[in-house]
PDB file of N, CA and C in Angstrom:
ATOM      1  N   MET A   1      17.336  -1.324  34.947  1.00  0.00           N
ATOM      2  CA  MET A   1      16.083  -1.909  34.414  1.00  0.00           C
ATOM      3  C   MET A   1      15.728  -2.907  35.430  1.00  0.00           C
ATOM      4  N   ASN A   2      14.481  -2.861  36.375  1.00  0.00           N
ATOM      5  CA  ASN A   2      14.089  -3.912  37.289  1.00  0.00           C
ATOM      6  C   ASN A   2      13.601  -5.222  36.441  1.00  0.00           C
ATOM      7  N   ILE A   3      13.829  -6.327  37.123  1.00  0.00           N
ATOM      8  CA  ILE A   3      13.423  -7.407  36.612  1.00  0.00           C
ATOM      9  C   ILE A   3      12.052  -7.613  36.067  1.00  0.00           C
ATOM     10  N   GLU A   4      11.097  -6.941  36.910  1.00  0.00           N
ATOM     11  CA  GLU A   4       9.716  -6.943  36.559  1.00  0.00           C
ATOM     12  C   GLU A   4       9.441  -6.093  35.478  1.00  0.00           C
ATOM     13  N   GLU A   5      10.318  -5.159  35.192  1.00  0.00           N
ATOM     14  CA  GLU A   5       9.713  -4.321  33.916  1.00  0.00           C
ATOM     15  C   GLU A   5      10.257  -5.036  32.564  1.00  0.00           C
ATOM     16  N   LYS A   6       9.442  -4.835  31.844  1.00  0.00           N
ATOM     17  CA  LYS A   6       9.471  -5.621  30.603  1.00  0.00           C
ATOM     18  C   LYS A   6       9.978  -4.315  29.387  1.00  0.00           C
ATOM     19  N   PRO A   7      10.591  -4.825  28.347  1.00  0.00           N
ATOM     20  CA  PRO A   7      11.419  -3.878  27.622  1.00  0.00           C
ATOM     21  C   PRO A   7       9.994  -3.199  26.801  1.00  0.00           C
ATOM     22  N   LYS A   8      10.359  -2.142  26.304  1.00  0.00           N
ATOM     23  CA  LYS A   8       9.233  -1.216  25.762  1.00  0.00           C
ATOM     24  C   LYS A   8       9.322  -1.464  24.237  1.00  0.00           C
ATOM     25  N   ARG A   9       8.261  -1.900  23.723  1.00  0.00           N
ATOM     26  CA  ARG A   9       8.079  -2.177  22.126  1.00  0.00           C
ATOM     27  C   ARG A   9       7.088  -1.077  21.651  1.00  0.00           C
ATOM     28  N   ALA A  10       7.418  -0.960  20.364  1.00  0.00           N
ATOM     29  CA  ALA A  10       6.683   0.118  19.491  1.00  0.00           C
ATOM     30  C   ALA A  10       4.993  -0.230  19.775  1.00  0.00           C
ATOM     31  N   ALA A  11       4.597   0.810  19.860  1.00  0.00           N
ATOM     32  CA  ALA A  11       2.969   1.018  20.413  1.00  0.00           C
ATOM     33  C   ALA A  11       2.055   0.779  19.099  1.00  0.00           C
ATOM     34  N   VAL A  12       2.188  -0.263  18.119  1.00  0.00           N
ATOM     35  CA  VAL A  12       1.376  -0.556  17.004  1.00  0.00           C
ATOM     36  C   VAL A  12       0.372  -1.303  17.247  1.00  0.00           C
ATOM     37  N   ARG A  13      -0.949  -1.056  16.973  1.00  0.00           N
ATOM     38  CA  ARG A  13      -2.083  -2.035  17.217  1.00  0.00           C
ATOM     39  C   ARG A  13      -2.048  -3.143  16.062  1.00  0.00           C
ATOM     40  N   PRO A  14      -2.205  -4.357  16.372  1.00  0.00           N
ATOM     41  CA  PRO A  14      -2.124  -5.485  15.505  1.00  0.00           C
ATOM     42  C   PRO A  14      -2.939  -5.158  14.099  1.00  0.00           C
ATOM     43  N   GLY A  15      -4.067  -4.409  14.163  1.00  0.00           N
ATOM     44  CA  GLY A  15      -4.896  -4.171  12.886  1.00  0.00           C
ATOM     45  C   GLY A  15      -4.278  -3.059  12.145  1.00  0.00           C
ATOM     46  N   PHE A  16      -3.244  -2.317  12.651  1.00  0.00           N
ATOM     47  CA  PHE A  16      -2.543  -1.017  11.733  1.00  0.00           C
ATOM     48  C   PHE A  16      -1.854  -1.554  10.865  1.00  0.00           C
ATOM     49  N   SER A  17      -1.092  -2.423  10.931  1.00  0.00           N
ATOM     50  CA  SER A  17      -0.208  -3.047   9.708  1.00  0.00           C
ATOM     51  C   SER A  17      -1.119  -3.788   8.516  1.00  0.00           C
ATOM     52  N   VAL A  18      -2.040  -4.513   9.097  1.00  0.00           N
ATOM     53  CA  VAL A  18      -3.206  -4.960   8.171  1.00  0.00           C
ATOM     54  C   VAL A  18      -3.842  -4.065   7.440  1.00  0.00           C
ATOM     55  N   LEU A  19      -4.327  -3.012   8.098  1.00  0.00           N
ATOM     56  CA  LEU A  19      -5.068  -1.744   7.590  1.00  0.00           C
ATOM     57  C   LEU A  19      -3.939  -0.953   6.487  1.00  0.00           C
ATOM     58  N   LEU A  20      -3.021  -0.897   6.829  1.00  0.00           N
ATOM     59  CA  LEU A  20      -2.053  -0.053   5.943  1.00  0.00           C
ATOM     60  C   LEU A  20      -1.712  -0.870   4.531  1.00  0.00           C
ATOM     61  N   VAL A  21      -1.499  -2.297   4.433  1.00  0.00           N
ATOM     62  CA  VAL A  21      -1.587  -3.263   3.498  1.00  0.00           C
ATOM     63  C   VAL A  21      -2.710  -3.171   2.666  1.00  0.00           C
ATOM     64  N   VAL A  22      -3.966  -3.087   3.442  1.00  0.00           N
ATOM     65  CA  VAL A  22      -5.486  -3.196   2.652  1.00  0.00           C
ATOM     66  C   VAL A  22      -5.376  -1.936   1.985  1.00  0.00           C
ATOM     67  N   SER A  23      -5.280  -0.666   2.575  1.00  0.00           N
ATOM     68  CA  SER A  23      -5.163   0.343   2.143  1.00  0.00           C
ATOM     69  C   SER A  23      -4.307   0.629   0.584  1.00  0.00           C
ATOM     70  N   VAL A  24      -3.060   0.154   0.998  1.00  0.00           N
ATOM     71  CA  VAL A  24      -2.078   0.304  -0.340  1.00  0.00           C
ATOM     72  C   VAL A  24      -2.484  -0.396  -1.548  1.00  0.00           C
ATOM     73  N   ILE A  25      -2.895  -1.651  -1.253  1.00  0.00           N
ATOM     74  CA  ILE A  25      -3.546  -2.408  -2.171  1.00  0.00           C
ATOM     75  C   ILE A  25      -4.873  -1.920  -2.883  1.00  0.00           C
ATOM     76  N   ALA A  26      -5.698  -1.437  -1.975  1.00  0.00           N
ATOM     77  CA  ALA A  26      -6.964  -0.927  -2.544  1.00  0.00           C
ATOM     78  C   ALA A  26      -6.728   0.494  -3.319  1.00  0.00           C
ATOM     79  N   ALA A  27      -5.970   1.303  -2.716  1.00  0.00           N
ATOM     80  CA  ALA A  27      -5.719   2.401  -3.408  1.00  0.00           C
ATOM     81  C   ALA A  27      -5.031   2.220  -4.843  1.00  0.00           C
ATOM     82  N   ALA A  28      -4.116   1.038  -4.928  1.00  0.00           N
ATOM     83  CA  ALA A  28      -3.115   0.922  -5.939  1.00  0.00           C
ATOM     84  C   ALA A  28      -4.310   0.262  -7.231  1.00  0.00           C
ATOM     85  N   LEU A  29      -5.303  -0.579  -6.459  1.00  0.00           N
ATOM     86  CA  LEU A  29      -6.210  -1.213  -7.668  1.00  0.00           C
ATOM     87  C   LEU A  29      -7.469   0.105  -8.227  1.00  0.00           C
ATOM     88  N   LEU A  30      -7.587   0.959  -7.120  1.00  0.00           N
ATOM     89  CA  LEU A  30      -8.491   1.806  -7.812  1.00  0.00           C
ATOM     90  C   LEU A  30      -7.596   2.924  -8.761  1.00  0.00           C
ATOM     91  N   GLY A  31      -6.567   3.071  -8.593  1.00  0.00           N
ATOM     92  CA  GLY A  31      -5.672   4.069  -9.482  1.00  0.00           C
ATOM     93  C   GLY A  31      -5.510   3.213 -10.545  1.00  0.00           C
ATOM     94  N   ALA A  32      -5.221   1.873 -10.778  1.00  0.00           N
ATOM     95  CA  ALA A  32      -5.215   1.088 -11.988  1.00  0.00           C
ATOM     96  C   ALA A  32      -6.492   1.232 -12.917  1.00  0.00           C
ATOM     97  N   CYS A  33      -7.483   1.511 -12.350  1.00  0.00           N
ATOM     98  CA  CYS A  33      -8.746   1.385 -12.925  1.00  0.00           C
ATOM     99  C   CYS A  33      -9.083   2.366 -14.025  1.00  0.00           C
ATOM    100  N   THR A  34      -8.440   2.619 -15.107  1.00  0.00           N
ATOM    101  CA  THR A  34      -8.429   3.736 -15.855  1.00  0.00           C
ATOM    102  C   THR A  34      -9.039   3.435 -17.198  1.00  0.00           C
ATOM    103  N   ARG A  35      -9.934   2.588 -17.424  1.00  0.00           N
ATOM    104  CA  ARG A  35     -10.498   1.908 -18.572  1.00  0.00           C
ATOM    105  C   ARG A  35     -11.377   3.412 -18.950  1.00  0.00           C
ATOM    106  N   PRO A  36     -11.160   3.820 -20.301  1.00  0.00           N
ATOM    107  CA  PRO A  36     -12.059   4.865 -20.613  1.00  0.00           C
ATOM    108  C   PRO A  36     -13.686   4.435 -20.809  1.00  0.00           C
ATOM    109  N   ALA A  37     -14.348   5.654 -20.473  1.00  0.00           N
ATOM    110  CA  ALA A  37     -16.080   5.211 -20.507  1.00  0.00           C
ATOM    111  C   ALA A  37     -16.449   4.520 -21.810  1.00  0.00           C
ATOM    112  N   SER A  38     -15.966   5.060 -22.996  1.00  0.00           N
ATOM    113  CA  SER A  38     -16.371   4.504 -24.154  1.00  0.00           C
ATOM    114  C   SER A  38     -15.828   3.269 -24.705  1.00  0.00           C
ATOM    115  N   LYS A  39     -15.161   2.714 -23.690  1.00  0.00           N
ATOM    116  CA  LYS A  39     -14.622   1.299 -24.165  1.00  0.00           C
ATOM    117  C   LYS A  39     -15.245  -0.048 -23.311  1.00  0.00           C
ATOM    118  N   SER A  40     -16.034  -0.687 -24.283  1.00  0.00           N
ATOM    119  CA  SER A  40     -16.875  -1.527 -24.017  1.00  0.00           C
ATOM    120  C   SER A  40     -16.169  -2.967 -22.592  1.00  0.00           C
ATOM    121  N   PRO A  41     -16.664  -3.188 -21.664  1.00  0.00           N
ATOM    122  CA  PRO A  41     -16.084  -4.308 -20.917  1.00  0.00           C
ATOM    123  C   PRO A  41     -15.749  -5.497 -21.533  1.00  0.00           C
ATOM    124  N   ALA A  42     -16.654  -5.988 -22.736  1.00  0.00           N
ATOM    125  CA  ALA A  42     -16.195  -7.003 -23.282  1.00  0.00           C
ATOM    126  C   ALA A  42     -14.790  -7.010 -24.380  1.00  0.00           C
ATOM    127  N   GLY A  43     -14.611  -5.591 -24.622  1.00  0.00           N
ATOM    128  CA  GLY A  43     -13.172  -5.384 -25.237  1.00  0.00           C
ATOM    129  C   GLY A  43     -12.015  -5.759 -24.266  1.00  0.00           C
ATOM    130  N   ASN A  44     -12.396  -5.729 -22.914  1.00  0.00           N
ATOM    131  CA  ASN A  44     -11.201  -5.976 -21.929  1.00  0.00           C
ATOM    132  C   ASN A  44     -11.158  -7.362 -21.581  1.00  0.00           C
ATOM    133  N   SER A  45     -11.917  -8.179 -22.053  1.00  0.00           N
ATOM    134  CA  SER A  45     -12.056  -9.573 -21.265  1.00  0.00           C
ATOM    135  C   SER A  45     -11.080 -10.538 -21.621  1.00  0.00           C
ATOM    136  N   LEU A  46      -9.956 -10.171 -22.587  1.00  0.00           N
ATOM    137  CA  LEU A  46      -8.724 -10.859 -22.652  1.00  0.00           C
ATOM    138  C   LEU A  46      -7.850 -10.411 -22.262  1.00  0.00           C
ATOM    139  N   GLU A  47      -7.773  -8.914 -21.245  1.00  0.00           N
ATOM    140  CA  GLU A  47      -6.745  -8.461 -20.641  1.00  0.00           C
ATOM    141  C   GLU A  47      -6.852  -9.251 -19.339  1.00  0.00           C
ATOM    142  N   ARG A  48      -5.448  -9.209 -18.719  1.00  0.00           N
ATOM    143  CA  ARG A  48      -5.215  -9.517 -17.282  1.00  0.00           C
ATOM    144  C   ARG A  48      -5.517  -8.401 -16.558  1.00  0.00           C
ATOM    145  N   SER A  49      -6.130  -8.481 -15.480  1.00  0.00           N
ATOM    146  CA  SER A  49      -6.128  -7.453 -14.205  1.00  0.00           C
ATOM    147  C   SER A  49      -4.714  -7.447 -13.715  1.00  0.00           C
ATOM    148  N   PRO A  50      -4.575  -6.255 -13.143  1.00  0.00           N
ATOM    149  CA  PRO A  50      -3.093  -5.974 -12.653  1.00  0.00           C
ATOM    150  C   PRO A  50      -3.198  -6.571 -11.367  1.00  0.00           C
ATOM    151  N   VAL A  51      -1.991  -7.059 -10.987  1.00  0.00           N
ATOM    152  CA  VAL A  51      -1.543  -7.840  -9.714  1.00  0.00           C
ATOM    153  C   VAL A  51      -0.824  -6.825  -8.861  1.00  0.00           C
ATOM    154  N   ILE A  52      -0.929  -6.607  -7.575  1.00  0.00           N
ATOM    155  CA  ILE A  52      -0.297  -5.885  -6.836  1.00  0.00           C
ATOM    156  C   ILE A  52      -0.114  -6.597  -5.446  1.00  0.00           C
ATOM    157  N   THR A  53       1.163  -6.820  -5.079  1.00  0.00           N
ATOM    158  CA  THR A  53       1.445  -7.612  -4.060  1.00  0.00           C
ATOM    159  C   THR A  53       2.380  -6.659  -2.917  1.00  0.00           C
ATOM    160  N   VAL A  54       2.111  -6.742  -1.655  1.00  0.00           N
ATOM    161  CA  VAL A  54       2.866  -6.125  -0.734  1.00  0.00           C
ATOM    162  C   VAL A  54       3.768  -7.326  -0.305  1.00  0.00           C
ATOM    163  N   ASN A  55       5.137  -7.244  -0.291  1.00  0.00           N
ATOM    164  CA  ASN A  55       5.800  -8.362   0.377  1.00  0.00           C
ATOM    165  C   ASN A  55       6.194  -8.303   1.743  1.00  0.00           C
ATOM    166  N   GLN A  56       6.695  -7.005   2.174  1.00  0.00           N
ATOM    167  CA  GLN A  56       6.770  -6.927   3.478  1.00  0.00           C
ATOM    168  C   GLN A  56       6.421  -5.285   3.951  1.00  0.00           C
ATOM    169  N   VAL A  57       6.101  -5.216   5.510  1.00  0.00           N
ATOM    170  CA  VAL A  57       5.732  -4.169   6.135  1.00  0.00           C
ATOM    171  C   VAL A  57       6.564  -3.926   7.186  1.00  0.00           C
ATOM    172  N   TRP A  58       7.347  -2.909   7.549  1.00  0.00           N
ATOM    173  CA  TRP A  58       7.949  -2.798   8.735  1.00  0.00           C
ATOM    174  C   TRP A  58       7.473  -1.506   9.455  1.00  0.00           C
ATOM    175  N   VAL A  59       7.265  -1.489  10.621  1.00  0.00           N
ATOM    176  CA  VAL A  59       6.617  -0.167  11.295  1.00  0.00           C
ATOM    177  C   VAL A  59       7.340  -0.021  12.432  1.00  0.00           C
ATOM    178  N   THR A  60       8.541   1.020  12.588  1.00  0.00           N
ATOM    179  CA  THR A  60       9.225   1.594  13.529  1.00  0.00           C
ATOM    180  C   THR A  60       8.756   2.648  14.410  1.00  0.00           C
ATOM    181  N   GLN A  61       8.489   2.285  15.594  1.00  0.00           N
ATOM    182  CA  GLN A  61       7.840   3.762  16.245  1.00  0.00           C
ATOM    183  C   GLN A  61       8.945   4.919  16.208  1.00  0.00           C
ATOM    184  N   GLY A  62       8.579   6.092  15.895  1.00  0.00           N
ATOM    185  CA  GLY A  62       9.258   7.325  16.137  1.00  0.00           C
ATOM    186  C   GLY A  62      10.153   7.399  14.614  1.00  0.00           C
ATOM    187  N   SER A  63      10.287   6.217  14.029  1.00  0.00           N
ATOM    188  CA  SER A  63      10.990   6.351  12.696  1.00  0.00           C
ATOM    189  C   SER A  63      10.171   6.295  11.583  1.00  0.00           C
ATOM    190  N   GLY A  64       9.244   5.572  11.519  1.00  0.00           N
ATOM    191  CA  GLY A  64       8.740   5.471  10.126  1.00  0.00           C
ATOM    192  C   GLY A  64       7.959   4.250   9.711  1.00  0.00           C
ATOM    193  N   ILE A  65       7.254   3.961   8.416  1.00  0.00           N
ATOM    194  CA  ILE A  65       6.674   2.837   8.088  1.00  0.00           C
ATOM    195  C   ILE A  65       7.508   2.532   6.626  1.00  0.00           C
ATOM    196  N   TYR A  66       7.726   1.595   6.410  1.00  0.00           N
ATOM    197  CA  TYR A  66       8.645   1.038   5.307  1.00  0.00           C
ATOM    198  C   TYR A  66       7.511  -0.159   4.732  1.00  0.00           C
ATOM    199  N   VAL A  67       7.256  -0.087   3.534  1.00  0.00           N
ATOM    200  CA  VAL A  67       6.533  -1.077   2.462  1.00  0.00           C
ATOM    201  C   VAL A  67       6.992  -1.244   1.228  1.00  0.00           C
ATOM    202  N   ILE A  68       7.487  -2.411   1.108  1.00  0.00           N
ATOM    203  CA  ILE A  68       7.806  -2.918  -0.113  1.00  0.00           C
ATOM    204  C   ILE A  68       6.942  -4.060  -0.917  1.00  0.00           C
ATOM    205  N   GLY A  69       7.200  -4.235  -2.196  1.00  0.00           N
ATOM    206  CA  GLY A  69       6.072  -5.232  -2.918  1.00  0.00           C
ATOM    207  C   GLY A  69       6.421  -5.212  -4.396  1.00  0.00           C
ATOM    208  N   HIS A  70       5.909  -5.938  -5.158  1.00  0.00           N
ATOM    209  CA  HIS A  70       5.935  -6.066  -6.633  1.00  0.00           C
ATOM    210  C   HIS A  70       4.410  -6.108  -7.415  1.00  0.00           C
ATOM    211  N   SER A  71       4.247  -5.872  -8.635  1.00  0.00           N
ATOM    212  CA  SER A  71       3.255  -5.594  -9.306  1.00  0.00           C
ATOM    213  C   SER A  71       3.324  -5.783 -10.682  1.00  0.00           C
ATOM    214  N   SER A  72       2.368  -6.177 -11.517  1.00  0.00           N
ATOM    215  CA  SER A  72       2.180  -6.287 -12.936  1.00  0.00           C
ATOM    216  C   SER A  72       2.229  -5.178 -13.694  1.00  0.00           C
ATOM    217  N   LEU A  73       2.169  -4.085 -12.975  1.00  0.00           N
ATOM    218  CA  LEU A  73       1.797  -2.861 -13.776  1.00  0.00           C
ATOM    219  C   LEU A  73       2.881  -2.155 -14.600  1.00  0.00           C
ATOM    220  N   PRO A  74       2.774  -1.744 -15.774  1.00  0.00           N
ATOM    221  CA  PRO A  74       3.857  -1.144 -16.370  1.00  0.00           C
ATOM    222  C   PRO A  74       4.782  -0.180 -15.576  1.00  0.00           C
ATOM    223  N   ASN A  75       5.954   0.371 -15.889  1.00  0.00           N
ATOM    224  CA  ASN A  75       6.815   0.793 -14.829  1.00  0.00           C
ATOM    225  C   ASN A  75       6.332   2.309 -14.679  1.00  0.00           C
ATOM    226  N   ASP A  76       5.736   2.848 -15.502  1.00  0.00           N
ATOM    227  CA  ASP A  76       5.313   4.314 -15.420  1.00  0.00           C
ATOM    228  C   ASP A  76       3.984   4.468 -14.582  1.00  0.00           C
ATOM    229  N   GLU A  77       3.293   3.499 -14.279  1.00  0.00           N
ATOM    230  CA  GLU A  77       1.978   3.492 -13.551  1.00  0.00           C
ATOM    231  C   GLU A  77       2.326   3.968 -12.300  1.00  0.00           C
ATOM    232  N   CYS A  78       1.062   4.489 -11.689  1.00  0.00           N
ATOM    233  CA  CYS A  78       1.215   5.160 -10.557  1.00  0.00           C
ATOM    234  C   CYS A  78       0.245   4.267  -9.258  1.00  0.00           C
ATOM    235  N   LEU A  79       0.978   3.947  -8.444  1.00  0.00           N
ATOM    236  CA  LEU A  79       0.464   3.328  -7.125  1.00  0.00           C
ATOM    237  C   LEU A  79       0.097   4.431  -6.286  1.00  0.00           C
ATOM    238  N   GLN A  80      -1.214   4.754  -6.214  1.00  0.00           N
ATOM    239  CA  GLN A  80      -1.474   5.941  -4.922  1.00  0.00           C
ATOM    240  C   GLN A  80      -1.490   5.049  -3.302  1.00  0.00           C
ATOM    241  N   THR A  81      -1.271   5.762  -2.541  1.00  0.00           N
ATOM    242  CA  THR A  81      -1.072   5.307  -1.037  1.00  0.00           C
ATOM    243  C   THR A  81      -1.879   6.062  -0.255  1.00  0.00           C
ATOM    244  N   GLU A  82      -2.620   5.527   0.700  1.00  0.00           N
ATOM    245  CA  GLU A  82      -3.368   6.175   1.723  1.00  0.00           C
ATOM    246  C   GLU A  82      -3.285   5.267   3.033  1.00  0.00           C
ATOM    247  N   LEU A  83      -3.014   5.999   4.347  1.00  0.00           N
ATOM    248  CA  LEU A  83      -3.047   5.301   5.528  1.00  0.00           C
ATOM    249  C   LEU A  83      -4.229   5.593   6.007  1.00  0.00           C
ATOM    250  N   LEU A  84      -4.998   4.651   6.762  1.00  0.00           N
ATOM    251  CA  LEU A  84      -6.332   4.831   7.461  1.00  0.00           C
ATOM    252  C   LEU A  84      -6.123   4.621   8.914  1.00  0.00           C
ATOM    253  N   ALA A  85      -6.701   5.243   9.662  1.00  0.00           N
ATOM    254  CA  ALA A  85      -6.696   4.878  11.255  1.00  0.00           C
ATOM    255  C   ALA A  85      -8.482   5.108  11.426  1.00  0.00           C
ATOM    256  N   ASN A  86      -8.906   3.844  12.075  1.00  0.00           N
ATOM    257  CA  ASN A  86     -10.168   4.316  12.393  1.00  0.00           C
ATOM    258  C   ASN A  86     -10.964   4.582  11.046  1.00  0.00           C
ATOM    259  N   ASN A  87     -10.812   4.026  10.018  1.00  0.00           N
ATOM    260  CA  ASN A  87     -11.479   4.415   8.805  1.00  0.00           C
ATOM    261  C   ASN A  87     -11.351   5.540   8.376  1.00  0.00           C
ATOM    262  N   GLN A  88     -10.281   6.354   8.598  1.00  0.00           N
ATOM    263  CA  GLN A  88     -10.317   7.866   8.290  1.00  0.00           C
ATOM    264  C   GLN A  88      -8.726   7.983   7.820  1.00  0.00           C
ATOM    265  N   ALA A  89      -8.469   8.797   6.863  1.00  0.00           N
ATOM    266  CA  ALA A  89      -7.193   9.056   6.355  1.00  0.00           C
ATOM    267  C   ALA A  89      -6.408   9.964   7.378  1.00  0.00           C
ATOM    268  N   VAL A  90      -5.217   9.495   7.688  1.00  0.00           N
ATOM    269  CA  VAL A  90      -4.261  10.283   8.790  1.00  0.00           C
ATOM    270  C   VAL A  90      -3.826  11.466   7.951  1.00  0.00           C
ATOM    271  N   ASP A  91      -3.753  12.454   8.616  1.00  0.00           N
ATOM    272  CA  ASP A  91      -3.169  13.799   8.056  1.00  0.00           C
ATOM    273  C   ASP A  91      -1.729  13.640   7.528  1.00  0.00           C
ATOM    274  N   TRP A  92      -0.827  12.865   8.521  1.00  0.00           N
ATOM    275  CA  TRP A  92       0.659  12.977   8.429  1.00  0.00           C
ATOM    276  C   TRP A  92       1.235  11.844   7.064  1.00  0.00           C
ATOM    277  N   TRP A  93       0.255  11.138   6.748  1.00  0.00           N
ATOM    278  CA  TRP A  93       0.896  10.291   5.678  1.00  0.00           C
ATOM    279  C   TRP A  93       0.979  11.022   4.324  1.00  0.00           C
ATOM    280  N   PRO A  94       1.979  10.793   3.673  1.00  0.00           N
ATOM    281  CA  PRO A  94       2.482  11.623   2.433  1.00  0.00           C
ATOM    282  C   PRO A  94       1.459  11.634   1.244  1.00  0.00           C
ATOM    283  N   GLY A  95       0.652  10.165   1.173  1.00  0.00           N
ATOM    284  CA  GLY A  95      -0.195  10.314   0.166  1.00  0.00           C
ATOM    285  C   GLY A  95       0.601  10.511  -1.431  1.00  0.00           C
ATOM    286  N   VAL A  96       1.574   9.984  -1.467  1.00  0.00           N
ATOM    287  CA  VAL A  96       2.541   9.906  -2.628  1.00  0.00           C
ATOM    288  C   VAL A  96       2.239   8.964  -3.835  1.00  0.00           C
ATOM    289  N   CYS A  97       2.523   9.190  -4.809  1.00  0.00           N
ATOM    290  CA  CYS A  97       2.332   8.431  -5.966  1.00  0.00           C
ATOM    291  C   CYS A  97       3.548   7.590  -6.103  1.00  0.00           C
ATOM    292  N   ILE A  98       3.525   6.241  -6.090  1.00  0.00           N
ATOM    293  CA  ILE A  98       4.607   5.391  -6.130  1.00  0.00           C
ATOM    294  C   ILE A  98       4.711   4.840  -7.476  1.00  0.00           C
ATOM    295  N   THR A  99       5.782   4.739  -8.314  1.00  0.00           N
ATOM    296  CA  THR A  99       6.019   4.191  -9.612  1.00  0.00           C
ATOM    297  C   THR A  99       7.042   2.695  -9.221  1.00  0.00           C
ATOM    298  N   ALA A 100       6.625   1.959  -9.916  1.00  0.00           N
ATOM    299  CA  ALA A 100       7.130   0.596 -10.037  1.00  0.00           C
ATOM    300  C   ALA A 100       8.570   0.681 -10.836  1.00  0.00           C
ATOM    301  N   ASP A 101       9.594   0.101 -10.487  1.00  0.00           N
ATOM    302  CA  ASP A 101      10.752   0.098 -11.172  1.00  0.00           C
ATOM    303  C   ASP A 101      10.989  -1.587 -11.493  1.00  0.00           C
ATOM    304  N   SER A 102      11.119  -2.012 -12.366  1.00  0.00           N
ATOM    305  CA  SER A 102      11.100  -3.368 -12.899  1.00  0.00           C
ATOM    306  C   SER A 102      10.115  -4.223 -12.186  1.00  0.00           C
ATOM    307  N   ASN A 103       8.992  -3.727 -11.965  1.00  0.00           N
ATOM    308  CA  ASN A 103       7.891  -4.332 -11.474  1.00  0.00           C
ATOM    309  C   ASN A 103       8.023  -4.339  -9.697  1.00  0.00           C
ATOM    310  N   GLN A 104       9.237  -3.641  -9.474  1.00  0.00           N
ATOM    311  CA  GLN A 104       9.362  -3.601  -7.778  1.00  0.00           C
ATOM    312  C   GLN A 104       8.861  -2.061  -7.439  1.00  0.00           C
ATOM    313  N   TRP A 105       8.323  -2.167  -6.264  1.00  0.00           N
ATOM    314  CA  TRP A 105       8.100  -0.663  -5.748  1.00  0.00           C
ATOM    315  C   TRP A 105       8.347  -0.724  -4.043  1.00  0.00           C
ATOM    316  N   GLU A 106       8.330   0.678  -3.749  1.00  0.00           N
ATOM    317  CA  GLU A 106       8.624   0.563  -2.330  1.00  0.00           C
ATOM    318  C   GLU A 106       8.282   2.145  -1.889  1.00  0.00           C
ATOM    319  N   ILE A 107       7.956   2.252  -0.451  1.00  0.00           N
ATOM    320  CA  ILE A 107       7.807   3.538   0.004  1.00  0.00           C
ATOM    321  C   ILE A 107       8.005   3.173   1.559  1.00  0.00           C
TER     322      ILE A 107
END
C-alpha cells in the first residue's frame, strides 16, 4: 500500500443507516396498529402505545446488516421490516417478520 492510498471503507452512504432505522421503526409501528374498526378510539385512551427502540445498527459491506433493539410489544407480536433506498423498497431485503423474545429483537 502506498502512503498516499487510504484504506478502503465500506461504501455506505450516511443516510442509509438512518433510513434503515426509520424504516424498521415505521414498519413496526404500522404493524402494531391492529385496532379493530368497531372499537372506538375512546376505549383505547388508557392503553399505552407500543415503544419500539433500535439500539444498534451494523452495516458491513459484502457481509450484511445487523440491527438489534427492544420493544414493549408482547412476545408474539410481529415487527415487519422493510429497507428503502431512494424511497423505494430494495429487492434483496428479506422483509421478514421479527418476533420479540423477552422484549428484545434482532435481524
